[in-house]
C-alpha atoms as a PDB file:
ATOM      1  CA  MET A   1     -28.954  20.635-105.033  1.00  0.00           C
ATOM      2  CA  ILE A   2     -29.541  23.479-102.584  1.00  0.00           C
ATOM      3  CA  LEU A   3     -32.404  23.566-100.084  1.00  0.00           C
ATOM      4  CA  ILE A   4     -33.813  27.041 -99.413  1.00  0.00           C
ATOM      5  CA  THR A   5     -35.816  27.458 -96.210  1.00  0.00           C
ATOM      6  CA  GLY A   6     -37.945  30.554 -95.759  1.00  0.00           C
ATOM      7  CA  ALA A   7     -38.582  30.372 -99.500  1.00  0.00           C
ATOM      8  CA  THR A   8     -41.769  32.465 -99.311  1.00  0.00           C
ATOM      9  CA  GLY A   9     -40.113  35.168 -97.217  1.00  0.00           C
ATOM     10  CA  SER A  10     -38.126  38.195 -98.345  1.00  0.00           C
ATOM     11  CA  ASN A  11     -34.613  36.778 -98.017  1.00  0.00           C
ATOM     12  CA  GLY A  12     -35.309  33.189 -99.019  1.00  0.00           C
ATOM     13  CA  GLY A  13     -37.530  34.315-101.884  1.00  0.00           C
ATOM     14  CA  GLU A  14     -34.907  36.661-103.293  1.00  0.00           C
ATOM     15  CA  LEU A  15     -32.188  34.015-103.025  1.00  0.00           C
ATOM     16  CA  LEU A  16     -34.477  31.499-104.703  1.00  0.00           C
ATOM     17  CA  LYS A  17     -35.202  33.914-107.547  1.00  0.00           C
ATOM     18  CA  ARG A  18     -31.544  34.748-108.174  1.00  0.00           C
ATOM     19  CA  LEU A  19     -30.235  31.181-107.989  1.00  0.00           C
ATOM     20  CA  SER A  20     -33.099  29.913-110.133  1.00  0.00           C
ATOM     21  CA  ALA A  21     -32.213  32.487-112.810  1.00  0.00           C
ATOM     22  CA  LEU A  22     -28.683  31.052-112.840  1.00  0.00           C
ATOM     23  CA  GLY A  23     -30.019  27.537-113.376  1.00  0.00           C
ATOM     24  CA  VAL A  24     -28.948  26.229-109.975  1.00  0.00           C
ATOM     25  CA  PRO A  25     -30.884  23.090-108.932  1.00  0.00           C
ATOM     26  CA  LEU A  26     -33.094  24.155-106.016  1.00  0.00           C
ATOM     27  CA  ARG A  27     -35.573  22.759-103.556  1.00  0.00           C
ATOM     28  CA  ALA A  28     -37.790  25.187-101.625  1.00  0.00           C
ATOM     29  CA  MET A  29     -38.940  24.175 -98.154  1.00  0.00           C
ATOM     30  CA  VAL A  30     -42.418  25.537 -97.404  1.00  0.00           C
ATOM     31  CA  ARG A  31     -44.963  24.875 -94.668  1.00  0.00           C
ATOM     32  CA  SER A  32     -47.808  24.690 -97.157  1.00  0.00           C
ATOM     33  CA  THR A  33     -48.010  24.435-100.935  1.00  0.00           C
ATOM     34  CA  SER A  34     -50.803  27.017-101.058  1.00  0.00           C
ATOM     35  CA  GLY A  35     -50.616  30.804-100.933  1.00  0.00           C
ATOM     36  CA  ARG A  36     -47.226  32.374-101.663  1.00  0.00           C
ATOM     37  CA  ALA A  37     -45.658  28.982-102.451  1.00  0.00           C
ATOM     38  CA  ASN A  38     -47.616  29.024-105.717  1.00  0.00           C
ATOM     39  CA  ASP A  39     -45.612  32.093-106.791  1.00  0.00           C
ATOM     40  CA  LEU A  40     -42.213  30.401-106.541  1.00  0.00           C
ATOM     41  CA  SER A  41     -40.027  30.160-109.618  1.00  0.00           C
ATOM     42  CA  ARG A  42     -40.766  27.486-112.165  1.00  0.00           C
ATOM     43  CA  GLY A  43     -38.363  24.595-112.104  1.00  0.00           C
ATOM     44  CA  VAL A  44     -37.961  24.840-108.328  1.00  0.00           C
ATOM     45  CA  GLU A  45     -38.848  21.668-106.471  1.00  0.00           C
ATOM     46  CA  LEU A  46     -41.248  22.278-103.581  1.00  0.00           C
ATOM     47  CA  VAL A  47     -41.140  20.241-100.400  1.00  0.00           C
ATOM     48  CA  THR A  48     -43.530  20.627 -97.473  1.00  0.00           C
ATOM     49  CA  ALA A  49     -41.796  20.524 -94.085  1.00  0.00           C
ATOM     50  CA  ASP A  50     -42.093  22.031 -90.630  1.00  0.00           C
ATOM     51  CA  PHE A  51     -39.205  23.068 -88.354  1.00  0.00           C
ATOM     52  CA  ASP A  52     -41.043  21.369 -85.469  1.00  0.00           C
ATOM     53  CA  ASP A  53     -41.178  18.031 -87.297  1.00  0.00           C
ATOM     54  CA  GLY A  54     -37.771  16.370 -87.524  1.00  0.00           C
ATOM     55  CA  GLU A  55     -38.994  13.686 -89.921  1.00  0.00           C
ATOM     56  CA  SER A  56     -40.318  16.244 -92.412  1.00  0.00           C
ATOM     57  CA  ILE A  57     -36.990  18.088 -92.203  1.00  0.00           C
ATOM     58  CA  ALA A  58     -35.135  14.823 -92.873  1.00  0.00           C
ATOM     59  CA  CYS A  59     -37.279  14.257 -95.980  1.00  0.00           C
ATOM     60  CA  ALA A  60     -36.655  17.817 -97.187  1.00  0.00           C
ATOM     61  CA  LEU A  61     -32.898  17.261 -96.815  1.00  0.00           C
ATOM     62  CA  GLU A  62     -32.737  14.038 -98.857  1.00  0.00           C
ATOM     63  CA  GLY A  63     -30.266  14.531-101.720  1.00  0.00           C
ATOM     64  CA  ILE A  64     -29.310  18.041-100.566  1.00  0.00           C
ATOM     65  CA  GLU A  65     -25.657  19.136-100.576  1.00  0.00           C
ATOM     66  CA  ARG A  66     -26.127  22.674 -99.265  1.00  0.00           C
ATOM     67  CA  ALA A  67     -28.836  24.543 -97.401  1.00  0.00           C
ATOM     68  CA  PHE A  68     -29.881  28.119 -96.642  1.00  0.00           C
ATOM     69  CA  LEU A  69     -31.395  28.264 -93.161  1.00  0.00           C
ATOM     70  CA  VAL A  70     -33.651  31.054 -91.986  1.00  0.00           C
ATOM     71  CA  THR A  71     -36.456  30.650 -89.463  1.00  0.00           C
ATOM     72  CA  ASN A  72     -39.216  32.885 -88.174  1.00  0.00           C
ATOM     73  CA  SER A  73     -38.324  35.031 -85.185  1.00  0.00           C
ATOM     74  CA  SER A  74     -39.867  33.243 -82.229  1.00  0.00           C
ATOM     75  CA  GLU A  75     -39.022  31.982 -78.791  1.00  0.00           C
ATOM     76  CA  ARG A  76     -38.519  28.518 -80.339  1.00  0.00           C
ATOM     77  CA  ALA A  77     -36.214  29.624 -83.182  1.00  0.00           C
ATOM     78  CA  GLU A  78     -33.034  28.298 -81.574  1.00  0.00           C
ATOM     79  CA  GLU A  79     -34.615  24.893 -80.915  1.00  0.00           C
ATOM     80  CA  GLN A  80     -35.880  24.725 -84.496  1.00  0.00           C
ATOM     81  CA  GLN A  81     -32.520  25.758 -85.942  1.00  0.00           C
ATOM     82  CA  LEU A  82     -30.657  23.164 -83.894  1.00  0.00           C
ATOM     83  CA  ARG A  83     -33.136  20.482 -85.000  1.00  0.00           C
ATOM     84  CA  PHE A  84     -32.514  21.442 -88.624  1.00  0.00           C
ATOM     85  CA  VAL A  85     -28.722  21.352 -88.205  1.00  0.00           C
ATOM     86  CA  GLU A  86     -28.866  17.950 -86.488  1.00  0.00           C
ATOM     87  CA  ARG A  87     -30.960  16.547 -89.339  1.00  0.00           C
ATOM     88  CA  ALA A  88     -28.654  18.126 -91.927  1.00  0.00           C
ATOM     89  CA  ARG A  89     -25.609  16.524 -90.280  1.00  0.00           C
ATOM     90  CA  ALA A  90     -27.346  13.155 -90.253  1.00  0.00           C
ATOM     91  CA  ALA A  91     -28.158  13.585 -93.961  1.00  0.00           C
ATOM     92  CA  GLY A  92     -24.514  14.385 -94.739  1.00  0.00           C
ATOM     93  CA  ASP A  93     -25.046  17.985 -95.887  1.00  0.00           C
ATOM     94  CA  GLN A  94     -21.758  19.710 -96.568  1.00  0.00           C
ATOM     95  CA  ARG A  95     -22.656  23.358 -95.909  1.00  0.00           C
ATOM     96  CA  ILE A  96     -25.370  25.419 -94.266  1.00  0.00           C
ATOM     97  CA  VAL A  97     -25.660  29.169 -94.714  1.00  0.00           C
ATOM     98  CA  TYR A  98     -27.503  30.609 -91.737  1.00  0.00           C
ATOM     99  CA  LEU A  99     -29.238  33.989 -91.659  1.00  0.00           C
ATOM    100  CA  ALA A 100     -29.438  35.244 -88.074  1.00  0.00           C
ATOM    101  CA  GLY A 101     -31.539  37.995 -86.603  1.00  0.00           C
ATOM    102  CA  PRO A 102     -32.797  39.040 -83.187  1.00  0.00           C
ATOM    103  CA  VAL A 103     -35.645  36.973 -81.813  1.00  0.00           C
ATOM    104  CA  ILE A 104     -38.241  39.105 -80.105  1.00  0.00           C
ATOM    105  CA  SER A 105     -41.267  38.050 -78.078  1.00  0.00           C
ATOM    106  CA  GLY A 106     -43.365  41.094 -77.333  1.00  0.00           C
ATOM    107  CA  ARG A 107     -40.753  43.605 -76.198  1.00  0.00           C
ATOM    108  CA  ALA A 108     -38.304  41.155 -74.603  1.00  0.00           C
ATOM    109  CA  PRO A 109     -35.145  40.318 -76.568  1.00  0.00           C
ATOM    110  CA  HIS A 110     -33.926  36.813 -77.177  1.00  0.00           C
ATOM    111  CA  PRO A 111     -31.552  35.812 -74.315  1.00  0.00           C
ATOM    112  CA  ARG A 112     -28.577  35.889 -76.684  1.00  0.00           C
ATOM    113  CA  SER A 113     -29.456  39.299 -78.091  1.00  0.00           C
ATOM    114  CA  ARG A 114     -27.324  42.187 -76.827  1.00  0.00           C
ATOM    115  CA  SER A 115     -29.964  44.895 -77.010  1.00  0.00           C
ATOM    116  CA  ALA A 116     -33.719  45.225 -76.876  1.00  0.00           C
ATOM    117  CA  VAL A 117     -35.706  46.344 -79.874  1.00  0.00           C
ATOM    118  CA  GLY A 118     -38.730  48.473 -79.323  1.00  0.00           C
END
């Protein structure tokens, strides 16, 4: 089974739709089961978890072999991503696909970003 984070976003949602159409067993990690989560593909297992809550991440990862990781752009993105990876390792996940992007707070780029956006 594959865990898709960011399942209600553009990238995660599109990946979820395409893999679901192929019959791939999927679990969608969402912050809340209301709103856009209600529009997710039928047959997709929903799990409520928060990148700031390691225990909820661990529960979302139970039985998962692969994961797609995308987080919101924020000053805490790196911390959240590392927490997810640590929990995935502990759960024995084999592969994580990570979608990276610049993290912007106001007009200041993320420290690892090479150029400012704005």
